[in-house]
N, C-alpha and C. Protein backbone atom coordinates (compact mmCIF):
# COMPACT_ATOMS: atom_id res chain seq x y z
N MET A 1 112.96 103.31 105.81
CA MET A 1 111.49 104.28 105.90
C MET A 1 111.58 104.59 107.48
N LEU A 2 111.21 105.50 107.89
CA LEU A 2 111.01 106.03 109.45
C LEU A 2 109.53 106.25 109.73
N SER A 3 109.35 105.43 110.72
CA SER A 3 107.76 105.11 111.17
C SER A 3 107.57 106.38 112.57
N VAL A 4 106.99 106.92 112.48
CA VAL A 4 106.37 107.99 113.78
C VAL A 4 104.95 107.67 113.99
N ASN A 5 104.90 107.35 115.27
CA ASN A 5 103.50 107.04 115.99
C ASN A 5 103.20 108.30 116.22
N VAL A 6 101.62 108.56 115.81
CA VAL A 6 101.00 109.74 115.83
C VAL A 6 99.64 109.41 117.00
N SER A 7 99.65 110.08 117.75
CA SER A 7 98.38 109.87 118.78
C SER A 7 97.06 110.48 118.14
N ALA A 8 95.95 110.09 118.45
CA ALA A 8 94.57 110.14 118.05
C ALA A 8 94.47 111.97 118.20
N LYS A 9 95.11 112.06 119.61
CA LYS A 9 94.95 113.82 120.33
C LYS A 9 95.54 114.64 118.95
N GLN A 10 96.73 114.15 118.32
CA GLN A 10 97.36 114.95 117.71
C GLN A 10 96.94 115.07 116.15
N PHE A 11 96.41 113.74 115.76
CA PHE A 11 95.93 113.80 114.62
C PHE A 11 94.58 114.51 114.14
N ARG A 12 94.08 114.78 115.47
CA ARG A 12 92.86 115.33 115.26
C ARG A 12 92.81 116.91 115.57
N GLN A 13 94.00 117.43 115.73
CA GLN A 13 94.39 118.71 115.66
C GLN A 13 93.84 119.22 114.51
N ALA A 14 93.20 120.33 114.25
CA ALA A 14 92.38 121.38 113.08
C ALA A 14 93.90 121.37 111.74
N ASP A 15 94.90 121.72 112.47
CA ASP A 15 95.98 122.04 111.45
C ASP A 15 97.04 120.75 111.30
N PHE A 16 96.55 119.51 111.52
CA PHE A 16 97.73 118.55 112.01
C PHE A 16 98.57 118.36 110.21
N ALA A 17 97.57 118.15 109.39
CA ALA A 17 98.38 118.17 107.83
C ALA A 17 99.61 119.37 107.65
N LYS A 18 99.18 120.57 108.06
CA LYS A 18 99.71 121.57 107.44
C LYS A 18 101.01 121.53 108.74
N GLN A 19 100.66 120.97 109.92
CA GLN A 19 102.04 120.88 110.96
C GLN A 19 103.14 119.78 110.11
N VAL A 20 102.47 118.87 109.73
CA VAL A 20 103.25 117.68 109.35
C VAL A 20 103.89 118.37 107.92
N LYS A 21 103.25 119.08 106.90
CA LYS A 21 103.78 119.45 105.68
C LYS A 21 105.16 120.53 106.37
N GLU A 22 104.79 121.41 107.18
CA GLU A 22 105.93 122.47 107.56
C GLU A 22 106.93 121.59 108.26
N ILE A 23 106.93 120.85 108.83
CA ILE A 23 108.16 119.85 109.53
C ILE A 23 108.93 119.06 108.28
N VAL A 24 108.00 118.73 107.51
CA VAL A 24 108.74 117.85 106.49
C VAL A 24 109.51 118.74 105.67
N GLN A 25 108.95 120.00 105.04
CA GLN A 25 109.97 121.28 104.68
C GLN A 25 111.04 121.70 105.15
N ARG A 26 110.57 122.23 106.55
CA ARG A 26 111.96 122.38 107.40
C ARG A 26 112.85 121.83 107.70
N HIS A 27 112.62 120.32 107.60
CA HIS A 27 113.96 119.60 108.00
C HIS A 27 114.42 118.73 106.72
N GLY A 28 113.97 119.15 105.64
CA GLY A 28 114.14 118.59 104.42
C GLY A 28 114.04 117.15 104.43
N ILE A 29 112.72 116.69 104.93
CA ILE A 29 112.60 115.10 105.07
C ILE A 29 112.03 114.47 103.63
N ASN A 30 112.41 113.46 103.24
CA ASN A 30 111.78 112.88 102.00
C ASN A 30 110.69 112.39 102.52
N PRO A 31 109.61 112.62 101.87
CA PRO A 31 108.13 112.14 102.39
C PRO A 31 108.10 110.56 102.17
N ALA A 32 108.57 110.05 101.15
CA ALA A 32 108.28 108.84 100.35
C ALA A 32 108.94 107.96 101.75
N LYS A 33 109.89 108.43 102.36
CA LYS A 33 110.71 107.47 103.58
C LYS A 33 110.14 107.79 104.62
N LEU A 34 108.87 108.43 105.04
CA LEU A 34 108.02 108.52 106.11
C LEU A 34 106.66 107.76 106.27
N LYS A 35 106.63 107.18 107.27
CA LYS A 35 105.49 106.55 107.82
C LYS A 35 104.53 106.96 109.09
N LEU A 36 103.31 107.28 108.69
CA LEU A 36 103.16 107.49 110.03
C LEU A 36 102.24 106.66 110.58
N GLU A 37 102.29 106.23 111.80
CA GLU A 37 101.65 104.92 112.45
C GLU A 37 100.57 105.45 113.49
N LEU A 38 99.27 105.45 112.99
CA LEU A 38 98.10 105.73 113.70
C LEU A 38 97.14 104.46 114.40
N THR A 39 96.74 104.74 115.27
CA THR A 39 96.07 103.78 116.36
C THR A 39 94.63 103.71 115.77
N GLU A 40 94.14 102.43 116.19
CA GLU A 40 92.63 102.42 115.96
C GLU A 40 91.95 103.31 116.76
N SER A 41 91.89 103.84 117.34
CA SER A 41 91.28 104.92 118.38
C SER A 41 91.01 106.58 117.45
N ILE A 42 91.80 106.73 116.73
CA ILE A 42 91.66 107.45 115.50
C ILE A 42 90.16 107.29 114.94
N LEU A 43 89.77 106.13 114.74
CA LEU A 43 88.33 105.82 113.99
C LEU A 43 87.25 106.25 115.04
N LEU A 44 87.39 106.50 115.96
CA LEU A 44 86.09 107.06 116.82
C LEU A 44 85.63 108.18 116.57
N ASP A 45 86.39 108.83 115.77
CA ASP A 45 85.68 110.41 115.60
C ASP A 45 85.50 110.37 114.17
N ASN A 46 85.03 111.64 113.74
CA ASN A 46 84.66 111.85 112.23
C ASN A 46 85.38 111.32 111.26
N ILE A 47 84.96 110.03 110.72
CA ILE A 47 85.57 109.28 109.80
C ILE A 47 85.90 109.97 108.45
N GLU A 48 85.04 110.78 107.82
CA GLU A 48 85.30 111.61 106.60
C GLU A 48 86.41 112.45 106.89
N ARG A 49 86.41 112.92 108.19
CA ARG A 49 87.28 114.42 108.41
C ARG A 49 88.87 113.34 108.76
N ILE A 50 88.94 112.24 109.12
CA ILE A 50 90.19 111.54 109.28
C ILE A 50 90.66 111.21 107.73
N ILE A 51 89.53 110.73 107.06
CA ILE A 51 90.15 109.88 105.86
C ILE A 51 90.72 111.26 105.05
N SER A 52 89.88 112.84 104.95
CA SER A 52 90.42 114.10 104.41
C SER A 52 91.93 114.23 104.90
N THR A 53 92.17 114.11 106.46
CA THR A 53 93.29 114.55 106.76
C THR A 53 94.53 113.50 106.15
N MET A 54 93.98 112.53 106.06
CA MET A 54 94.85 111.01 105.67
C MET A 54 95.30 111.41 104.32
N ASN A 55 93.97 111.86 103.31
CA ASN A 55 94.45 112.02 101.72
C ASN A 55 95.22 113.11 101.56
N GLU A 56 95.22 114.31 102.65
CA GLU A 56 95.96 115.81 102.19
C GLU A 56 97.71 115.24 102.85
N ILE A 57 97.82 114.22 103.80
CA ILE A 57 99.01 113.80 103.79
C ILE A 57 99.63 113.14 102.88
N GLY A 58 98.76 112.06 102.53
CA GLY A 58 99.24 110.94 101.64
C GLY A 58 99.37 111.74 100.10
N ALA A 59 99.17 112.88 99.97
CA ALA A 59 99.46 113.69 98.59
C ALA A 59 100.88 114.13 98.81
N MET A 60 101.30 114.00 99.93
CA MET A 60 102.76 114.42 100.19
C MET A 60 103.57 113.31 99.62
N GLY A 61 102.81 112.39 99.63
CA GLY A 61 104.05 111.10 99.58
C GLY A 61 104.05 110.16 100.83
N ILE A 62 103.36 110.93 101.86
CA ILE A 62 103.75 110.01 103.16
C ILE A 62 102.69 108.87 103.47
N ARG A 63 102.96 107.99 103.71
CA ARG A 63 102.38 106.33 103.78
C ARG A 63 101.59 106.41 105.49
N PHE A 64 100.78 105.36 105.63
CA PHE A 64 100.09 105.38 106.88
C PHE A 64 100.18 104.03 107.46
N SER A 65 100.50 103.49 108.62
CA SER A 65 100.14 102.22 108.85
C SER A 65 99.34 102.26 109.91
N LEU A 66 98.40 101.32 109.99
CA LEU A 66 97.27 101.18 111.33
C LEU A 66 97.96 100.11 112.43
N ASP A 67 98.00 100.94 113.20
CA ASP A 67 99.02 100.32 114.65
C ASP A 67 98.21 99.25 115.28
N ASP A 68 98.73 98.59 116.06
CA ASP A 68 97.87 97.47 117.09
C ASP A 68 96.41 97.08 116.57
N PHE A 69 96.56 96.85 115.08
CA PHE A 69 95.50 96.06 114.66
C PHE A 69 94.77 94.87 115.35
N GLY A 70 93.72 94.87 115.31
CA GLY A 70 92.88 93.85 115.86
C GLY A 70 92.29 93.87 117.31
N THR A 71 92.93 95.06 117.99
CA THR A 71 92.91 95.12 119.64
C THR A 71 91.87 96.45 120.09
N GLY A 72 91.77 97.06 118.73
CA GLY A 72 91.08 98.27 119.48
C GLY A 72 89.44 98.38 118.73
N TYR A 73 88.82 99.47 117.99
CA TYR A 73 87.95 99.68 117.87
C TYR A 73 87.44 99.70 116.46
N SER A 74 88.44 99.15 115.60
CA SER A 74 88.07 99.40 113.84
C SER A 74 86.80 98.65 113.52
N SER A 75 86.35 99.06 112.55
CA SER A 75 85.33 98.22 112.08
C SER A 75 86.08 97.95 110.34
N LEU A 76 85.58 96.78 110.15
CA LEU A 76 86.35 96.33 108.84
C LEU A 76 86.16 97.37 107.82
N GLN A 77 84.93 97.92 107.84
CA GLN A 77 84.36 98.87 106.72
C GLN A 77 85.24 99.65 106.63
N TYR A 78 85.94 100.30 107.91
CA TYR A 78 87.11 101.44 107.56
C TYR A 78 88.10 101.08 106.82
N LEU A 79 88.34 99.69 106.66
CA LEU A 79 89.80 99.27 105.94
C LEU A 79 89.68 99.67 104.74
N LYS A 80 88.73 99.39 103.94
CA LYS A 80 88.27 99.61 102.58
C LYS A 80 88.16 101.38 102.37
N LYS A 81 87.86 102.14 103.33
CA LYS A 81 88.00 103.63 103.08
C LYS A 81 89.35 104.49 103.07
N LEU A 82 89.69 103.87 104.23
CA LEU A 82 91.00 104.40 104.93
C LEU A 82 92.58 104.32 103.90
N PRO A 83 93.16 105.14 103.34
CA PRO A 83 94.17 105.27 102.31
C PRO A 83 95.15 104.31 103.18
N LEU A 84 95.17 103.44 103.53
CA LEU A 84 96.59 102.80 104.27
C LEU A 84 97.56 102.39 103.29
N TYR A 85 98.37 101.79 103.69
CA TYR A 85 99.86 101.42 103.34
C TYR A 85 99.93 99.98 103.78
N GLN A 86 99.80 100.03 105.14
CA GLN A 86 100.20 98.61 106.26
C GLN A 86 99.06 98.78 107.37
N LEU A 87 98.98 97.39 107.64
CA LEU A 87 98.69 97.03 108.88
C LEU A 87 99.74 96.44 109.76
N LYS A 88 99.81 96.74 111.22
CA LYS A 88 100.52 96.18 112.07
C LYS A 88 99.80 95.21 112.93
N ILE A 89 100.43 93.85 112.76
CA ILE A 89 99.77 92.88 113.75
C ILE A 89 99.85 93.09 115.00
N ASP A 90 99.06 93.42 115.88
CA ASP A 90 99.54 93.59 117.26
C ASP A 90 100.19 92.59 118.00
N GLN A 91 101.30 93.16 119.04
CA GLN A 91 102.05 92.04 119.80
C GLN A 91 101.40 91.22 120.65
N SER A 92 100.06 91.22 120.93
CA SER A 92 99.34 90.75 121.73
C SER A 92 98.99 89.20 121.10
N PHE A 93 98.98 89.30 119.69
CA PHE A 93 98.87 87.94 118.95
C PHE A 93 99.67 86.95 118.49
N VAL A 94 101.03 87.90 118.48
CA VAL A 94 102.43 87.35 118.26
C VAL A 94 103.01 86.74 119.57
N LYS A 95 102.53 87.66 120.78
CA LYS A 95 103.41 87.04 122.11
C LYS A 95 103.30 85.32 122.00
N ASP A 96 101.69 84.62 122.08
CA ASP A 96 101.71 83.22 122.14
C ASP A 96 101.61 82.63 120.85
N LEU A 97 102.19 83.14 119.73
CA LEU A 97 101.94 82.57 118.61
C LEU A 97 102.30 81.02 118.48
N VAL A 98 103.48 80.64 119.12
CA VAL A 98 104.14 79.47 119.18
C VAL A 98 103.15 78.52 119.84
N ILE A 99 102.65 78.56 120.67
CA ILE A 99 101.56 77.70 121.60
C ILE A 99 100.09 77.79 121.46
N ASP A 100 99.80 78.79 120.56
CA ASP A 100 98.39 79.17 120.88
C ASP A 100 97.56 79.22 119.58
N SER A 101 96.83 78.43 119.16
CA SER A 101 96.43 77.89 117.79
C SER A 101 95.08 79.04 117.53
N ASN A 102 94.89 79.55 118.41
CA ASN A 102 93.88 80.72 118.01
C ASN A 102 94.39 81.57 117.69
N ASP A 103 95.75 82.40 118.26
CA ASP A 103 96.46 83.49 117.88
C ASP A 103 97.31 83.21 116.42
N ARG A 104 97.47 81.90 116.33
CA ARG A 104 97.79 81.55 114.75
C ARG A 104 96.74 81.75 113.72
N ALA A 105 95.56 81.42 113.96
CA ALA A 105 94.32 81.76 113.13
C ALA A 105 94.11 83.11 112.76
N ILE A 106 94.15 84.05 114.04
CA ILE A 106 93.90 85.06 114.19
C ILE A 106 95.09 86.08 113.09
N VAL A 107 96.26 85.41 113.19
CA VAL A 107 97.53 86.24 112.58
C VAL A 107 97.33 85.60 111.10
N ASP A 108 96.75 84.56 110.79
CA ASP A 108 96.78 83.98 109.38
C ASP A 108 95.64 84.84 108.87
N THR A 109 94.63 85.03 109.44
CA THR A 109 93.45 85.96 108.78
C THR A 109 93.96 87.51 108.56
N ILE A 110 94.36 87.98 109.64
CA ILE A 110 95.16 89.31 109.20
C ILE A 110 95.78 89.40 108.18
N ILE A 111 96.84 88.26 108.04
CA ILE A 111 97.66 88.64 107.17
C ILE A 111 97.02 88.30 105.56
N GLY A 112 95.97 87.27 105.58
CA GLY A 112 95.26 87.00 104.40
C GLY A 112 94.06 88.24 104.06
N MET A 113 93.68 88.69 104.86
CA MET A 113 92.81 90.19 104.89
C MET A 113 93.76 91.03 104.11
N ALA A 114 94.77 91.35 105.00
CA ALA A 114 95.74 92.49 104.24
C ALA A 114 96.13 92.19 102.94
N ARG A 115 96.72 91.39 102.62
CA ARG A 115 97.15 90.78 101.23
C ARG A 115 95.89 90.97 100.26
N SER A 116 94.56 90.60 100.57
CA SER A 116 93.43 90.91 99.65
C SER A 116 93.20 92.41 99.56
N LEU A 117 93.54 93.23 100.46
CA LEU A 117 93.38 94.48 100.44
C LEU A 117 94.66 95.21 99.64
N GLU A 118 95.49 94.59 99.51
CA GLU A 118 96.96 94.84 98.91
C GLU A 118 97.63 96.07 99.96
N LEU A 119 97.52 95.40 101.16
CA LEU A 119 98.24 96.15 102.14
C LEU A 119 99.76 95.38 102.71
N GLU A 120 100.49 96.03 102.93
CA GLU A 120 101.71 95.51 103.52
C GLU A 120 101.02 95.07 104.97
N VAL A 121 101.89 94.18 105.47
CA VAL A 121 101.53 93.78 106.79
C VAL A 121 103.00 93.42 107.64
N ILE A 122 102.87 93.99 108.67
CA ILE A 122 104.21 93.98 109.67
C ILE A 122 103.81 93.41 111.29
N ALA A 123 104.48 92.49 111.71
CA ALA A 123 104.15 91.91 112.97
C ALA A 123 104.82 92.57 113.89
N GLU A 124 104.37 93.15 115.11
CA GLU A 124 105.05 93.58 116.19
C GLU A 124 105.05 92.84 117.25
N GLY A 125 106.38 93.01 118.25
CA GLY A 125 106.68 92.07 119.28
C GLY A 125 107.46 90.46 118.80
N VAL A 126 108.23 90.61 117.93
CA VAL A 126 108.55 89.37 117.51
C VAL A 126 109.87 89.38 118.38
N GLU A 127 110.01 88.57 119.20
CA GLU A 127 110.89 88.19 120.19
C GLU A 127 111.89 86.86 120.23
N GLU A 128 111.10 86.03 118.92
CA GLU A 128 111.51 84.34 119.02
C GLU A 128 111.75 84.53 117.64
N GLU A 129 112.89 83.45 117.24
CA GLU A 129 112.99 82.94 115.99
C GLU A 129 111.79 82.29 115.59
N GLU A 130 111.45 81.62 116.18
CA GLU A 130 110.03 80.41 116.19
C GLU A 130 108.84 81.39 115.81
N GLN A 131 108.76 82.46 116.18
CA GLN A 131 107.66 83.38 115.95
C GLN A 131 107.57 83.74 114.55
N LYS A 132 108.93 84.09 114.27
CA LYS A 132 109.26 84.99 113.01
C LYS A 132 109.39 83.55 111.97
N GLN A 133 109.68 82.71 112.19
CA GLN A 133 109.11 81.62 111.09
C GLN A 133 107.79 81.25 111.10
N ILE A 134 106.87 81.04 112.02
CA ILE A 134 105.85 81.06 111.82
C ILE A 134 104.97 82.07 111.03
N LEU A 135 105.63 83.65 111.29
CA LEU A 135 104.86 84.61 110.53
C LEU A 135 105.38 84.71 109.10
N GLU A 136 106.49 84.10 108.69
CA GLU A 136 106.99 84.06 107.27
C GLU A 136 106.12 83.04 106.75
N LYS A 137 106.02 81.87 107.39
CA LYS A 137 104.96 80.94 106.63
C LYS A 137 103.91 81.27 106.31
N ALA A 138 103.37 82.38 107.14
CA ALA A 138 102.11 82.65 106.91
C ALA A 138 102.07 83.74 106.04
N GLY A 139 103.29 84.40 105.43
CA GLY A 139 103.07 85.15 104.44
C GLY A 139 103.33 86.41 105.09
N CYS A 140 103.93 86.67 106.22
CA CYS A 140 104.58 87.93 106.81
C CYS A 140 106.03 88.25 106.62
N SER A 141 106.25 89.20 105.90
CA SER A 141 107.87 89.41 105.64
C SER A 141 108.28 90.73 106.49
N ARG A 142 107.73 91.28 107.28
CA ARG A 142 108.31 92.45 107.83
C ARG A 142 107.59 92.36 109.25
N PHE A 143 109.05 92.65 110.25
CA PHE A 143 108.76 92.35 111.84
C PHE A 143 109.68 93.50 112.41
N GLN A 144 109.23 93.50 113.79
CA GLN A 144 109.68 94.44 114.71
C GLN A 144 109.94 93.87 116.02
N GLY A 145 110.55 94.31 116.66
CA GLY A 145 110.54 93.55 117.83
C GLY A 145 112.10 93.11 118.34
N TYR A 146 112.04 92.68 119.75
CA TYR A 146 113.56 92.28 120.33
C TYR A 146 114.38 91.54 119.85
N LEU A 147 113.89 90.70 118.94
CA LEU A 147 114.46 89.88 118.03
C LEU A 147 115.46 90.58 117.27
N PHE A 148 115.23 91.51 116.88
CA PHE A 148 116.13 92.40 115.93
C PHE A 148 116.78 93.63 116.61
N GLY A 149 116.31 93.98 118.11
CA GLY A 149 116.82 95.01 118.36
C GLY A 149 116.17 95.84 119.53
N LYS A 150 116.80 96.04 120.61
CA LYS A 150 116.00 96.80 121.73
C LYS A 150 115.92 98.39 121.57
N PRO A 151 114.97 99.02 122.47
CA PRO A 151 115.31 100.63 122.32
C PRO A 151 116.45 100.92 122.68
N MET A 152 116.88 102.28 122.41
CA MET A 152 118.11 102.72 122.42
C MET A 152 118.38 104.21 122.22
N PRO A 153 119.41 104.79 122.91
CA PRO A 153 119.49 106.11 122.81
C PRO A 153 119.60 106.64 121.57
N ILE A 154 119.23 107.67 121.40
CA ILE A 154 119.71 108.28 119.80
C ILE A 154 120.97 108.20 119.59
N ASN A 155 121.78 108.54 120.07
CA ASN A 155 123.25 108.42 119.67
C ASN A 155 123.78 107.25 119.15
N GLN A 156 123.25 106.31 119.91
CA GLN A 156 123.54 104.71 119.70
C GLN A 156 122.89 104.42 118.49
N PHE A 157 121.70 104.88 118.12
CA PHE A 157 120.90 104.47 116.99
C PHE A 157 121.56 104.97 115.88
N ARG A 158 122.07 106.41 115.89
CA ARG A 158 122.77 107.00 114.61
C ARG A 158 124.35 106.07 114.40
N GLU A 159 124.96 105.58 115.40
CA GLU A 159 126.25 105.06 115.30
C GLU A 159 125.70 103.79 114.38
N LEU A 160 124.70 103.13 115.12
CA LEU A 160 124.29 101.75 114.43
C LEU A 160 123.88 101.73 112.81
N ILE A 161 123.13 103.04 112.65
CA ILE A 161 122.80 103.08 111.09
C ILE A 161 123.72 103.68 110.07
N LYS A 162 125.26 104.16 110.82
CA LYS A 162 126.22 104.65 110.04
C LYS A 162 126.82 103.64 109.16
C-alpha cells in the first residue's frame, strides 16, 4: 500500500476529489493500494464537507489514515463520523515509550480505542526494537520509523522494492 500525505490546504480545494480521480486514472493506480494520510488540522473546517469529500474519494476504493493522532485538534466526536481506515500514533508518544509510563498509557488508550472503532493502528517514529516490542504487546502490529528504514532517494527506493 502506498501512503500519501495530504495537507489541509490541498484537501480543502473544491475539486480535490476530482483531482485525485484524474491522477488515479491517468497513472493507472490501483485505488485499493492507495492510502491518503490526513492531519487532524483538516477537522478545523466544515466537517460535513470534509466527510463528503472523504466519501467521494473513498468510493473509488482509496482509504484514509488520520496522521499524528492525539496531537492536534481532533474531537473524539469526529472519529465516529469520518470514514477512516487507520489511526497513526504520533511519534511524540512513541519516542519515550520505553521510559515514560504516561506515554505507554496514552498509546494503550489509542490502540484500544482504534480496536473498538474497528480501525487499523500504526505507530510512527519507531526507532528501537524495545519500542516495537512494547507496541506489539499493546496490540499494534504496524510500524513506521528508522528501525525499518530511513528516507532515501526515489531511485534507491525503486531498487529496494525490486
